[in-house]
Amino acid sequence: MRKLILKMSMTVDGFVSGPKHESEWLFANTDPSADEWSVKTAWQAGAHVMGSNTFRDMAGWWPSSTEIFAPAMNEIPKVVFSKDPNVTSKSKWTKVKSTADSTKASAGKRAKASVTTENEESWADARVMSGDLAKDIAKLKSEKGNDLIAWGGVGFARSLLRAGLVDELDLTVYPAAIGKGLSIFSELPKTMSLELKSAQAFSKGVVAHVYRVKRKK
């Protein structure tokens, strides 16, 4: 049975973004050693799982990105949860400016050349699931392959946690506090008990915490 691993970046005060989804704190505290660790983790995914908003943003970004995350994001299969059967259409992807104007969207760069057809197709061919979230996740877990990595979206992360579908939490904590913002844990129906599997500090203060969700026997 495959595990579902929720991977999120957050501030030391527990927010994954500001109240209006601001993320300047993330790009102002980049840590190459932490990025290398995250890329290694991303390559271990059997599939990248995400909600429709995150999918549209990522599909508009990764096919032409030159960041070290790009190969893992482009080459590994994607699963998107959406009621829109056409969510993978390129016309639905978020449009981002290229190269020099890209810093508002990401700390990385985009290729000056046109997006490769192969990279675009990897997103256009994403598997769309639109049924009951718990049943669809159970189906994915029952299939063969490496573990699933889910990428938030605050809303999608909250849905997975609220329904008790997450098996592990991969939380990358950045050395910044923003005072107020959005938490992925704000809609938990009850206390979630966790077991720390590993913790690793990186050169510029980022700390990765990997937790296993403890289930009642």
N, C-alpha and C. Protein backbone atom coordinates (compact mmCIF):
# COMPACT_ATOMS: atom_id res chain seq x y z
N MET A 1 0.84 -1.19 0.00
CA MET A 1 0.00 0.00 0.00
C MET A 1 0.88 1.25 0.00
N ARG A 2 0.64 2.12 -0.94
CA ARG A 2 1.42 3.35 -1.01
C ARG A 2 0.98 4.35 0.07
N LYS A 3 1.91 5.19 0.49
CA LYS A 3 1.59 6.25 1.44
C LYS A 3 1.31 7.55 0.69
N LEU A 4 0.52 8.41 1.32
CA LEU A 4 0.32 9.77 0.81
C LEU A 4 1.10 10.71 1.71
N ILE A 5 2.07 11.39 1.12
CA ILE A 5 2.94 12.31 1.85
C ILE A 5 2.57 13.73 1.46
N LEU A 6 2.19 14.54 2.43
CA LEU A 6 1.87 15.94 2.17
C LEU A 6 3.12 16.78 2.38
N LYS A 7 3.55 17.47 1.33
CA LYS A 7 4.78 18.25 1.37
C LYS A 7 4.44 19.74 1.35
N MET A 8 4.86 20.45 2.38
CA MET A 8 4.54 21.88 2.49
C MET A 8 5.72 22.65 3.04
N SER A 9 5.82 23.90 2.63
CA SER A 9 6.77 24.85 3.22
C SER A 9 5.98 25.77 4.14
N MET A 10 6.58 26.15 5.28
CA MET A 10 5.86 27.01 6.21
C MET A 10 6.81 27.87 7.02
N THR A 11 6.26 28.89 7.65
CA THR A 11 7.03 29.77 8.53
C THR A 11 7.18 29.13 9.90
N VAL A 12 8.05 29.70 10.73
CA VAL A 12 8.22 29.15 12.07
C VAL A 12 6.98 29.32 12.93
N ASP A 13 6.08 30.26 12.57
CA ASP A 13 4.84 30.39 13.32
C ASP A 13 3.68 29.63 12.67
N GLY A 14 4.01 28.72 11.75
CA GLY A 14 3.05 27.73 11.30
C GLY A 14 2.14 28.11 10.15
N PHE A 15 2.51 29.16 9.39
CA PHE A 15 1.69 29.56 8.25
C PHE A 15 2.34 29.15 6.94
N VAL A 16 1.53 28.71 5.99
CA VAL A 16 2.06 28.32 4.68
C VAL A 16 2.00 29.48 3.69
N SER A 17 1.30 30.53 4.06
CA SER A 17 1.29 31.77 3.27
C SER A 17 0.71 32.87 4.12
N GLY A 18 0.80 34.10 3.62
CA GLY A 18 0.15 35.20 4.29
C GLY A 18 -1.36 35.13 4.10
N PRO A 19 -2.11 36.05 4.71
CA PRO A 19 -3.58 36.02 4.63
C PRO A 19 -4.12 36.07 3.20
N LYS A 20 -3.38 36.69 2.30
CA LYS A 20 -3.79 36.79 0.90
C LYS A 20 -2.88 35.95 0.00
N HIS A 21 -2.37 34.87 0.58
CA HIS A 21 -1.50 33.92 -0.13
C HIS A 21 -0.12 34.50 -0.47
N GLU A 22 0.31 35.49 0.29
CA GLU A 22 1.64 36.06 0.07
C GLU A 22 2.73 35.05 0.41
N SER A 23 3.80 35.05 -0.38
CA SER A 23 4.88 34.08 -0.16
C SER A 23 6.27 34.71 -0.27
N GLU A 24 6.35 36.03 -0.07
CA GLU A 24 7.65 36.69 -0.17
C GLU A 24 8.66 36.12 0.82
N TRP A 25 8.17 35.71 1.99
CA TRP A 25 9.05 35.15 3.01
C TRP A 25 9.78 33.91 2.52
N LEU A 26 9.13 33.16 1.64
CA LEU A 26 9.73 31.92 1.12
C LEU A 26 10.91 32.24 0.20
N PHE A 27 10.70 33.17 -0.72
CA PHE A 27 11.75 33.48 -1.70
C PHE A 27 12.84 34.36 -1.11
N ALA A 28 12.55 35.00 0.02
CA ALA A 28 13.57 35.82 0.68
C ALA A 28 14.49 34.98 1.56
N ASN A 29 14.16 33.70 1.74
CA ASN A 29 14.95 32.83 2.61
C ASN A 29 15.34 31.54 1.90
N THR A 30 15.74 31.67 0.65
CA THR A 30 16.12 30.48 -0.11
C THR A 30 17.36 29.83 0.49
N ASP A 31 17.41 28.52 0.38
CA ASP A 31 18.50 27.74 0.98
C ASP A 31 18.84 26.60 0.01
N PRO A 32 19.92 26.73 -0.75
CA PRO A 32 20.25 25.71 -1.76
C PRO A 32 20.36 24.30 -1.21
N SER A 33 20.89 24.15 0.00
CA SER A 33 21.03 22.81 0.56
C SER A 33 19.66 22.21 0.87
N ALA A 34 18.73 23.05 1.33
CA ALA A 34 17.37 22.58 1.57
C ALA A 34 16.68 22.22 0.25
N ASP A 35 16.95 23.03 -0.78
CA ASP A 35 16.37 22.74 -2.10
C ASP A 35 16.86 21.39 -2.62
N GLU A 36 18.12 21.10 -2.44
CA GLU A 36 18.67 19.83 -2.91
C GLU A 36 17.99 18.66 -2.19
N TRP A 37 17.77 18.81 -0.90
CA TRP A 37 17.08 17.77 -0.14
C TRP A 37 15.66 17.59 -0.65
N SER A 38 14.96 18.70 -0.92
CA SER A 38 13.58 18.63 -1.40
C SER A 38 13.51 17.99 -2.78
N VAL A 39 14.48 18.30 -3.64
CA VAL A 39 14.50 17.70 -4.98
C VAL A 39 14.69 16.19 -4.87
N LYS A 40 15.58 15.76 -4.00
CA LYS A 40 15.79 14.33 -3.80
C LYS A 40 14.50 13.65 -3.35
N THR A 41 13.77 14.32 -2.47
CA THR A 41 12.49 13.79 -2.01
C THR A 41 11.49 13.72 -3.16
N ALA A 42 11.44 14.77 -3.97
CA ALA A 42 10.48 14.82 -5.09
C ALA A 42 10.72 13.68 -6.08
N TRP A 43 11.98 13.32 -6.31
CA TRP A 43 12.29 12.24 -7.25
C TRP A 43 11.79 10.89 -6.75
N GLN A 44 11.50 10.76 -5.48
CA GLN A 44 11.05 9.49 -4.93
C GLN A 44 9.55 9.27 -5.12
N ALA A 45 8.85 10.26 -5.66
CA ALA A 45 7.39 10.16 -5.80
C ALA A 45 7.00 9.21 -6.93
N GLY A 46 5.97 8.42 -6.68
CA GLY A 46 5.37 7.64 -7.74
C GLY A 46 4.46 8.50 -8.59
N ALA A 47 3.92 9.55 -7.97
CA ALA A 47 3.09 10.53 -8.67
C ALA A 47 3.01 11.78 -7.81
N HIS A 48 2.90 12.94 -8.48
CA HIS A 48 2.65 14.19 -7.80
C HIS A 48 1.13 14.41 -7.79
N VAL A 49 0.58 14.64 -6.60
CA VAL A 49 -0.86 14.79 -6.42
C VAL A 49 -1.16 16.22 -6.01
N MET A 50 -2.18 16.83 -6.61
CA MET A 50 -2.48 18.22 -6.29
C MET A 50 -3.92 18.57 -6.63
N GLY A 51 -4.37 19.68 -6.07
CA GLY A 51 -5.68 20.22 -6.41
C GLY A 51 -5.59 21.05 -7.68
N SER A 52 -6.72 21.53 -8.14
CA SER A 52 -6.77 22.20 -9.44
C SER A 52 -6.02 23.52 -9.46
N ASN A 53 -6.09 24.30 -8.39
CA ASN A 53 -5.39 25.59 -8.38
C ASN A 53 -3.89 25.41 -8.47
N THR A 54 -3.36 24.51 -7.64
CA THR A 54 -1.92 24.24 -7.68
C THR A 54 -1.51 23.66 -9.02
N PHE A 55 -2.35 22.79 -9.57
CA PHE A 55 -2.03 22.21 -10.88
C PHE A 55 -1.90 23.30 -11.94
N ARG A 56 -2.85 24.21 -12.00
CA ARG A 56 -2.80 25.26 -13.02
C ARG A 56 -1.55 26.12 -12.87
N ASP A 57 -1.18 26.43 -11.61
CA ASP A 57 0.02 27.23 -11.38
C ASP A 57 1.28 26.48 -11.79
N MET A 58 1.37 25.21 -11.39
CA MET A 58 2.56 24.42 -11.70
C MET A 58 2.67 24.13 -13.19
N ALA A 59 1.54 23.83 -13.84
CA ALA A 59 1.56 23.54 -15.27
C ALA A 59 2.00 24.76 -16.07
N GLY A 60 1.68 25.94 -15.57
CA GLY A 60 2.10 27.14 -16.25
C GLY A 60 3.55 27.51 -15.99
N TRP A 61 4.14 26.88 -14.99
CA TRP A 61 5.51 27.24 -14.59
C TRP A 61 6.57 26.21 -14.98
N TRP A 62 6.39 24.96 -14.56
CA TRP A 62 7.48 23.98 -14.64
C TRP A 62 7.93 23.60 -16.04
N PRO A 63 7.08 23.54 -17.05
CA PRO A 63 7.57 23.09 -18.36
C PRO A 63 8.71 23.93 -18.93
N SER A 64 8.81 25.21 -18.57
CA SER A 64 9.91 26.02 -19.09
C SER A 64 10.87 26.49 -18.00
N SER A 65 10.73 25.94 -16.81
CA SER A 65 11.60 26.34 -15.70
C SER A 65 13.00 25.74 -15.84
N THR A 66 14.00 26.49 -15.39
CA THR A 66 15.38 25.98 -15.34
C THR A 66 15.80 25.66 -13.91
N GLU A 67 14.88 25.69 -12.96
CA GLU A 67 15.20 25.38 -11.57
C GLU A 67 15.51 23.90 -11.41
N ILE A 68 16.19 23.57 -10.32
CA ILE A 68 16.60 22.18 -10.11
C ILE A 68 15.40 21.26 -9.85
N PHE A 69 14.25 21.83 -9.47
CA PHE A 69 13.05 21.03 -9.25
C PHE A 69 12.41 20.60 -10.56
N ALA A 70 12.67 21.32 -11.65
CA ALA A 70 11.91 21.15 -12.88
C ALA A 70 11.90 19.72 -13.42
N PRO A 71 13.05 19.04 -13.55
CA PRO A 71 13.01 17.69 -14.11
C PRO A 71 12.10 16.73 -13.33
N ALA A 72 12.17 16.76 -12.01
CA ALA A 72 11.33 15.88 -11.21
C ALA A 72 9.86 16.22 -11.37
N MET A 73 9.55 17.51 -11.44
CA MET A 73 8.16 17.92 -11.57
C MET A 73 7.62 17.60 -12.96
N ASN A 74 8.45 17.72 -13.98
CA ASN A 74 7.99 17.48 -15.34
C ASN A 74 7.92 15.99 -15.70
N GLU A 75 8.87 15.21 -15.20
CA GLU A 75 9.00 13.83 -15.66
C GLU A 75 8.12 12.83 -14.91
N ILE A 76 7.82 13.10 -13.65
CA ILE A 76 7.02 12.17 -12.85
C ILE A 76 5.54 12.40 -13.13
N PRO A 77 4.73 11.34 -13.23
CA PRO A 77 3.30 11.50 -13.51
C PRO A 77 2.60 12.39 -12.50
N LYS A 78 1.56 13.07 -12.99
CA LYS A 78 0.77 13.96 -12.16
C LYS A 78 -0.67 13.48 -12.02
N VAL A 79 -1.27 13.73 -10.86
CA VAL A 79 -2.69 13.47 -10.63
C VAL A 79 -3.30 14.76 -10.12
N VAL A 80 -4.38 15.22 -10.75
CA VAL A 80 -5.04 16.44 -10.32
C VAL A 80 -6.48 16.14 -9.92
N PHE A 81 -6.89 16.67 -8.78
CA PHE A 81 -8.27 16.51 -8.31
C PHE A 81 -9.06 17.74 -8.72
N SER A 82 -10.05 17.54 -9.56
CA SER A 82 -10.83 18.67 -10.07
C SER A 82 -12.17 18.18 -10.61
N LYS A 83 -13.19 19.01 -10.47
CA LYS A 83 -14.49 18.71 -11.07
C LYS A 83 -14.52 19.13 -12.54
N ASP A 84 -13.50 19.84 -12.98
CA ASP A 84 -13.41 20.30 -14.37
C ASP A 84 -12.68 19.24 -15.19
N PRO A 85 -13.36 18.54 -16.10
CA PRO A 85 -12.70 17.50 -16.89
C PRO A 85 -11.64 18.05 -17.85
N ASN A 86 -11.69 19.36 -18.08
CA ASN A 86 -10.73 19.99 -18.99
C ASN A 86 -9.64 20.75 -18.26
N VAL A 87 -9.45 20.45 -16.98
CA VAL A 87 -8.49 21.19 -16.17
C VAL A 87 -7.06 21.11 -16.72
N THR A 88 -6.74 20.04 -17.44
CA THR A 88 -5.38 19.88 -17.95
C THR A 88 -5.14 20.61 -19.27
N SER A 89 -6.17 21.20 -19.82
CA SER A 89 -6.01 21.95 -21.07
C SER A 89 -5.08 23.13 -20.87
N LYS A 90 -4.18 23.36 -21.80
CA LYS A 90 -3.20 24.44 -21.67
C LYS A 90 -3.87 25.79 -21.51
N SER A 91 -5.05 25.95 -22.07
CA SER A 91 -5.75 27.23 -21.96
C SER A 91 -6.15 27.55 -20.53
N LYS A 92 -6.15 26.54 -19.65
CA LYS A 92 -6.52 26.74 -18.24
C LYS A 92 -5.31 27.01 -17.36
N TRP A 93 -4.10 26.84 -17.90
CA TRP A 93 -2.90 27.00 -17.08
C TRP A 93 -2.65 28.47 -16.75
N THR A 94 -2.04 28.69 -15.59
CA THR A 94 -1.69 30.05 -15.19
C THR A 94 -0.58 30.58 -16.08
N LYS A 95 -0.75 31.79 -16.58
CA LYS A 95 0.27 32.40 -17.44
C LYS A 95 1.24 33.19 -16.58
N VAL A 96 2.53 32.94 -16.77
CA VAL A 96 3.56 33.66 -16.03
C VAL A 96 4.51 34.33 -17.01
N LYS A 97 5.10 35.44 -16.58
CA LYS A 97 6.05 36.15 -17.43
C LYS A 97 7.36 35.36 -17.48
N SER A 98 8.10 35.54 -18.54
CA SER A 98 9.33 34.77 -18.73
C SER A 98 10.56 35.49 -18.20
N THR A 99 11.54 34.72 -17.86
CA THR A 99 12.88 35.12 -17.49
C THR A 99 12.98 36.31 -16.56
N ALA A 100 13.23 37.52 -17.10
CA ALA A 100 13.57 38.67 -16.26
C ALA A 100 12.45 39.07 -15.32
N ASP A 101 11.19 38.86 -15.70
CA ASP A 101 10.06 39.27 -14.87
C ASP A 101 9.54 38.15 -13.99
N SER A 102 10.25 37.03 -13.93
CA SER A 102 9.71 35.86 -13.24
C SER A 102 9.91 35.88 -11.74
N THR A 103 10.71 36.80 -11.20
CA THR A 103 11.06 36.74 -9.79
C THR A 103 9.87 36.95 -8.87
N LYS A 104 8.82 37.59 -9.36
CA LYS A 104 7.64 37.76 -8.53
C LYS A 104 6.93 36.42 -8.31
N ALA A 105 7.09 35.51 -9.25
CA ALA A 105 6.43 34.22 -9.15
C ALA A 105 7.31 33.17 -8.50
N SER A 106 8.63 33.31 -8.65
CA SER A 106 9.53 32.28 -8.14
C SER A 106 10.92 32.84 -8.00
N ALA A 107 11.70 32.21 -7.12
CA ALA A 107 13.09 32.63 -6.97
C ALA A 107 13.94 32.13 -8.12
N GLY A 108 13.43 31.22 -8.91
CA GLY A 108 14.19 30.64 -10.01
C GLY A 108 13.99 31.35 -11.33
N LYS A 109 14.47 30.75 -12.39
CA LYS A 109 14.37 31.35 -13.72
C LYS A 109 13.66 30.40 -14.67
N ARG A 110 13.19 31.00 -15.75
CA ARG A 110 12.56 30.24 -16.80
C ARG A 110 13.45 30.27 -18.03
N ALA A 111 13.33 29.23 -18.84
CA ALA A 111 14.14 29.15 -20.04
C ALA A 111 13.71 30.21 -21.05
N LYS A 112 14.68 30.79 -21.75
CA LYS A 112 14.36 31.77 -22.78
C LYS A 112 13.74 31.09 -24.00
N ALA A 113 14.16 29.86 -24.23
CA ALA A 113 13.64 29.12 -25.38
C ALA A 113 12.19 28.71 -25.12
N SER A 114 11.51 28.31 -26.17
CA SER A 114 10.13 27.89 -26.04
C SER A 114 10.05 26.61 -25.22
N VAL A 115 8.90 26.40 -24.61
CA VAL A 115 8.69 25.22 -23.78
C VAL A 115 8.76 23.97 -24.64
N THR A 116 9.40 22.93 -24.13
CA THR A 116 9.49 21.69 -24.90
C THR A 116 8.14 21.00 -24.94
N THR A 117 7.83 20.41 -26.07
CA THR A 117 6.57 19.69 -26.22
C THR A 117 6.45 18.58 -25.20
N GLU A 118 7.55 17.88 -24.94
CA GLU A 118 7.53 16.76 -23.99
C GLU A 118 7.13 17.22 -22.60
N ASN A 119 7.67 18.35 -22.16
CA ASN A 119 7.33 18.86 -20.83
C ASN A 119 5.86 19.27 -20.76
N GLU A 120 5.40 19.95 -21.77
CA GLU A 120 4.00 20.36 -21.79
C GLU A 120 3.07 19.15 -21.77
N GLU A 121 3.43 18.14 -22.54
CA GLU A 121 2.59 16.95 -22.62
C GLU A 121 2.51 16.23 -21.28
N SER A 122 3.58 16.30 -20.50
CA SER A 122 3.56 15.62 -19.21
C SER A 122 2.50 16.21 -18.29
N TRP A 123 2.19 17.49 -18.47
CA TRP A 123 1.14 18.15 -17.68
C TRP A 123 -0.22 17.97 -18.33
N ALA A 124 -0.26 18.08 -19.66
CA ALA A 124 -1.53 17.90 -20.37
C ALA A 124 -2.07 16.49 -20.19
N ASP A 125 -1.17 15.52 -19.97
CA ASP A 125 -1.58 14.12 -19.81
C ASP A 125 -1.83 13.73 -18.36
N ALA A 126 -1.87 14.71 -17.47
CA ALA A 126 -2.11 14.40 -16.05
C ALA A 126 -3.43 13.66 -15.89
N ARG A 127 -3.45 12.77 -14.93
CA ARG A 127 -4.65 12.00 -14.62
C ARG A 127 -5.61 12.86 -13.81
N VAL A 128 -6.85 12.98 -14.25
CA VAL A 128 -7.85 13.79 -13.56
C VAL A 128 -8.77 12.88 -12.75
N MET A 129 -8.92 13.20 -11.46
CA MET A 129 -9.83 12.45 -10.60
C MET A 129 -10.86 13.42 -10.05
N SER A 130 -12.14 13.07 -10.17
CA SER A 130 -13.21 14.01 -9.81
C SER A 130 -14.30 13.39 -8.94
N GLY A 131 -14.02 12.22 -8.41
CA GLY A 131 -15.02 11.56 -7.58
C GLY A 131 -14.86 11.91 -6.12
N ASP A 132 -15.27 11.00 -5.26
CA ASP A 132 -15.12 11.17 -3.82
C ASP A 132 -13.63 11.18 -3.46
N LEU A 133 -13.21 12.22 -2.74
CA LEU A 133 -11.78 12.39 -2.45
C LEU A 133 -11.20 11.18 -1.73
N ALA A 134 -11.87 10.70 -0.68
CA ALA A 134 -11.35 9.58 0.10
C ALA A 134 -11.25 8.31 -0.74
N LYS A 135 -12.27 8.04 -1.56
CA LYS A 135 -12.25 6.85 -2.40
C LYS A 135 -11.17 6.93 -3.46
N ASP A 136 -11.00 8.12 -4.05
CA ASP A 136 -9.99 8.28 -5.09
C ASP A 136 -8.57 8.15 -4.52
N ILE A 137 -8.36 8.72 -3.34
CA ILE A 137 -7.04 8.59 -2.70
C ILE A 137 -6.78 7.13 -2.35
N ALA A 138 -7.79 6.44 -1.84
CA ALA A 138 -7.64 5.01 -1.53
C ALA A 138 -7.27 4.22 -2.77
N LYS A 139 -7.88 4.56 -3.90
CA LYS A 139 -7.56 3.89 -5.15
C LYS A 139 -6.10 4.12 -5.53
N LEU A 140 -5.65 5.37 -5.43
CA LEU A 140 -4.26 5.68 -5.75
C LEU A 140 -3.29 4.93 -4.84
N LYS A 141 -3.62 4.86 -3.57
CA LYS A 141 -2.75 4.17 -2.62
C LYS A 141 -2.66 2.68 -2.92
N SER A 142 -3.73 2.11 -3.45
CA SER A 142 -3.76 0.66 -3.71
C SER A 142 -2.98 0.27 -4.96
N GLU A 143 -2.66 1.23 -5.79
CA GLU A 143 -1.95 0.95 -7.03
C GLU A 143 -0.46 0.76 -6.77
N LYS A 144 0.21 0.07 -7.68
CA LYS A 144 1.63 -0.19 -7.53
C LYS A 144 2.45 1.07 -7.80
N GLY A 145 3.63 1.12 -7.19
CA GLY A 145 4.52 2.24 -7.43
C GLY A 145 5.01 2.87 -6.15
N ASN A 146 5.83 3.90 -6.31
CA ASN A 146 6.36 4.62 -5.15
C ASN A 146 5.25 5.43 -4.47
N ASP A 147 5.58 5.94 -3.30
CA ASP A 147 4.62 6.72 -2.53
C ASP A 147 4.17 7.96 -3.30
N LEU A 148 3.03 8.49 -2.90
CA LEU A 148 2.43 9.67 -3.53
C LEU A 148 2.85 10.91 -2.76
N ILE A 149 3.21 11.97 -3.46
CA ILE A 149 3.51 13.24 -2.81
C ILE A 149 2.43 14.24 -3.19
N ALA A 150 1.75 14.78 -2.18
CA ALA A 150 0.72 15.79 -2.39
C ALA A 150 1.31 17.16 -2.15
N TRP A 151 0.98 18.08 -3.05
CA TRP A 151 1.47 19.46 -2.97
C TRP A 151 0.28 20.39 -2.73
N GLY A 152 0.37 21.21 -1.66
CA GLY A 152 -0.69 22.21 -1.45
C GLY A 152 -0.42 23.41 -2.31
N GLY A 153 -1.33 24.22 -2.47
CA GLY A 153 -2.70 24.51 -2.11
C GLY A 153 -3.16 24.30 -0.69
N VAL A 154 -3.47 25.48 -0.04
CA VAL A 154 -4.00 25.44 1.31
C VAL A 154 -5.30 24.64 1.33
N GLY A 155 -6.21 24.94 0.42
CA GLY A 155 -7.50 24.29 0.41
C GLY A 155 -7.40 22.79 0.22
N PHE A 156 -6.57 22.36 -0.71
CA PHE A 156 -6.41 20.93 -0.96
C PHE A 156 -5.75 20.24 0.23
N ALA A 157 -4.73 20.87 0.80
CA ALA A 157 -4.06 20.30 1.97
C ALA A 157 -5.03 20.16 3.14
N ARG A 158 -5.86 21.18 3.36
CA ARG A 158 -6.85 21.11 4.44
C ARG A 158 -7.83 19.97 4.21
N SER A 159 -8.25 19.78 2.96
CA SER A 159 -9.19 18.71 2.64
C SER A 159 -8.61 17.35 2.94
N LEU A 160 -7.35 17.14 2.56
CA LEU A 160 -6.69 15.86 2.82
C LEU A 160 -6.54 15.60 4.31
N LEU A 161 -6.14 16.63 5.05
CA LEU A 161 -5.94 16.47 6.49
C LEU A 161 -7.27 16.29 7.21
N ARG A 162 -8.27 17.05 6.80
CA ARG A 162 -9.58 16.97 7.44
C ARG A 162 -10.18 15.58 7.29
N ALA A 163 -9.92 14.95 6.16
CA ALA A 163 -10.46 13.62 5.89
C ALA A 163 -9.58 12.50 6.41
N GLY A 164 -8.45 12.83 7.01
CA GLY A 164 -7.56 11.81 7.57
C GLY A 164 -6.86 10.96 6.53
N LEU A 165 -6.54 11.55 5.37
CA LEU A 165 -5.98 10.80 4.26
C LEU A 165 -4.46 10.85 4.19
N VAL A 166 -3.85 11.71 4.97
CA VAL A 166 -2.39 11.90 4.92
C VAL A 166 -1.70 10.90 5.84
N ASP A 167 -0.67 10.25 5.33
CA ASP A 167 0.10 9.27 6.12
C ASP A 167 1.37 9.87 6.70
N GLU A 168 1.97 10.81 5.96
CA GLU A 168 3.18 11.47 6.43
C GLU A 168 3.13 12.96 6.08
N LEU A 169 3.78 13.76 6.90
CA LEU A 169 3.91 15.19 6.67
C LEU A 169 5.38 15.53 6.46
N ASP A 170 5.67 16.16 5.36
CA ASP A 170 7.03 16.62 5.05
C ASP A 170 6.98 18.14 5.12
N LEU A 171 7.37 18.69 6.27
CA LEU A 171 7.23 20.12 6.53
C LEU A 171 8.60 20.80 6.52
N THR A 172 8.79 21.70 5.58
CA THR A 172 10.04 22.44 5.48
C THR A 172 9.80 23.82 6.10
N VAL A 173 10.44 24.06 7.25
CA VAL A 173 10.18 25.26 8.03
C VAL A 173 11.27 26.30 7.75
N TYR A 174 10.84 27.49 7.35
CA TYR A 174 11.76 28.57 6.97
C TYR A 174 11.94 29.55 8.12
N PRO A 175 13.14 30.15 8.24
CA PRO A 175 13.43 31.06 9.36
C PRO A 175 12.78 32.43 9.17
N ALA A 176 11.47 32.45 9.24
CA ALA A 176 10.71 33.68 9.11
C ALA A 176 9.41 33.53 9.87
N ALA A 177 8.94 34.62 10.47
CA ALA A 177 7.64 34.65 11.14
C ALA A 177 6.85 35.80 10.53
N ILE A 178 5.57 35.55 10.22
CA ILE A 178 4.77 36.58 9.55
C ILE A 178 3.59 37.05 10.38
N GLY A 179 3.38 36.45 11.55
CA GLY A 179 2.38 36.96 12.48
C GLY A 179 0.96 36.52 12.22
N LYS A 180 0.56 36.47 10.97
CA LYS A 180 -0.78 36.00 10.62
C LYS A 180 -0.75 35.44 9.21
N GLY A 181 -1.65 34.53 8.95
CA GLY A 181 -1.65 33.91 7.63
C GLY A 181 -2.55 32.70 7.59
N LEU A 182 -2.28 31.80 6.66
CA LEU A 182 -3.11 30.62 6.42
C LEU A 182 -2.40 29.37 6.93
N SER A 183 -3.12 28.57 7.68
CA SER A 183 -2.60 27.32 8.24
C SER A 183 -3.30 26.15 7.57
N ILE A 184 -2.55 25.09 7.32
CA ILE A 184 -3.18 23.89 6.75
C ILE A 184 -3.90 23.07 7.81
N PHE A 185 -3.69 23.40 9.08
CA PHE A 185 -4.27 22.60 10.17
C PHE A 185 -5.52 23.22 10.78
N SER A 186 -6.00 24.32 10.25
CA SER A 186 -7.07 25.08 10.89
C SER A 186 -8.44 24.39 10.83
N GLU A 187 -8.60 23.36 10.01
CA GLU A 187 -9.89 22.69 9.90
C GLU A 187 -9.86 21.24 10.37
N LEU A 188 -8.84 20.90 11.16
CA LEU A 188 -8.78 19.54 11.70
C LEU A 188 -9.98 19.28 12.60
N PRO A 189 -10.66 18.15 12.43
CA PRO A 189 -11.82 17.84 13.28
C PRO A 189 -11.41 17.38 14.69
N LYS A 190 -10.18 16.94 14.84
CA LYS A 190 -9.69 16.48 16.13
C LYS A 190 -8.16 16.56 16.13
N THR A 191 -7.57 16.35 17.28
CA THR A 191 -6.12 16.41 17.40
C THR A 191 -5.46 15.34 16.54
N MET A 192 -4.42 15.73 15.85
CA MET A 192 -3.64 14.80 15.04
C MET A 192 -2.34 14.47 15.77
N SER A 193 -2.13 13.20 16.08
CA SER A 193 -0.91 12.77 16.77
C SER A 193 0.15 12.38 15.75
N LEU A 194 1.37 12.85 15.97
CA LEU A 194 2.44 12.65 15.00
C LEU A 194 3.66 12.02 15.66
N GLU A 195 4.40 11.28 14.87
CA GLU A 195 5.68 10.71 15.31
C GLU A 195 6.78 11.26 14.41
N LEU A 196 7.81 11.87 15.00
CA LEU A 196 8.89 12.44 14.22
C LEU A 196 9.77 11.33 13.65
N LYS A 197 9.87 11.28 12.32
CA LYS A 197 10.72 10.30 11.65
C LYS A 197 12.13 10.84 11.46
N SER A 198 12.23 12.13 11.14
CA SER A 198 13.56 12.73 10.93
C SER A 198 13.45 14.24 10.99
N ALA A 199 14.58 14.86 11.31
CA ALA A 199 14.67 16.32 11.29
C ALA A 199 16.07 16.68 10.81
N GLN A 200 16.14 17.63 9.90
CA GLN A 200 17.42 18.00 9.34
C GLN A 200 17.49 19.51 9.15
N ALA A 201 18.54 20.12 9.74
CA ALA A 201 18.75 21.56 9.59
C ALA A 201 19.73 21.81 8.46
N PHE A 202 19.48 22.88 7.71
CA PHE A 202 20.32 23.22 6.57
C PHE A 202 21.09 24.51 6.81
N SER A 203 21.99 24.83 5.91
CA SER A 203 23.01 25.84 6.16
C SER A 203 22.47 27.24 6.44
N LYS A 204 21.30 27.58 5.91
CA LYS A 204 20.79 28.94 6.09
C LYS A 204 19.57 29.00 7.01
N GLY A 205 19.41 27.97 7.82
CA GLY A 205 18.38 28.02 8.85
C GLY A 205 17.08 27.31 8.54
N VAL A 206 16.92 26.78 7.35
CA VAL A 206 15.73 25.99 7.03
C VAL A 206 15.85 24.63 7.72
N VAL A 207 14.73 24.14 8.25
CA VAL A 207 14.72 22.84 8.92
C VAL A 207 13.60 21.99 8.34
N ALA A 208 13.94 20.77 7.93
CA ALA A 208 12.95 19.83 7.38
C ALA A 208 12.53 18.86 8.46
N HIS A 209 11.23 18.77 8.70
CA HIS A 209 10.66 17.84 9.66
C HIS A 209 9.79 16.83 8.90
N VAL A 210 10.05 15.56 9.11
CA VAL A 210 9.22 14.52 8.50
C VAL A 210 8.50 13.77 9.63
N TYR A 211 7.18 13.79 9.57
CA TYR A 211 6.36 13.17 10.61
C TYR A 211 5.51 12.05 10.02
N ARG A 212 5.33 11.00 10.80
CA ARG A 212 4.36 9.95 10.48
C ARG A 212 3.09 10.22 11.26
N VAL A 213 1.94 10.13 10.60
CA VAL A 213 0.67 10.31 11.30
C VAL A 213 0.36 9.02 12.06
N LYS A 214 0.15 9.15 13.35
CA LYS A 214 -0.15 7.99 14.20
C LYS A 214 -1.64 7.66 14.12
N ARG A 215 -1.93 6.41 13.78
CA ARG A 215 -3.31 5.96 13.69
C ARG A 215 -3.69 5.16 14.92
N LYS A 216 -4.95 5.22 15.28
CA LYS A 216 -5.42 4.40 16.37
C LYS A 216 -5.49 2.94 15.92
N LYS A 217 -4.98 2.04 16.72
CA LYS A 217 -4.98 0.63 16.38
C LYS A 217 -6.30 -0.02 16.75
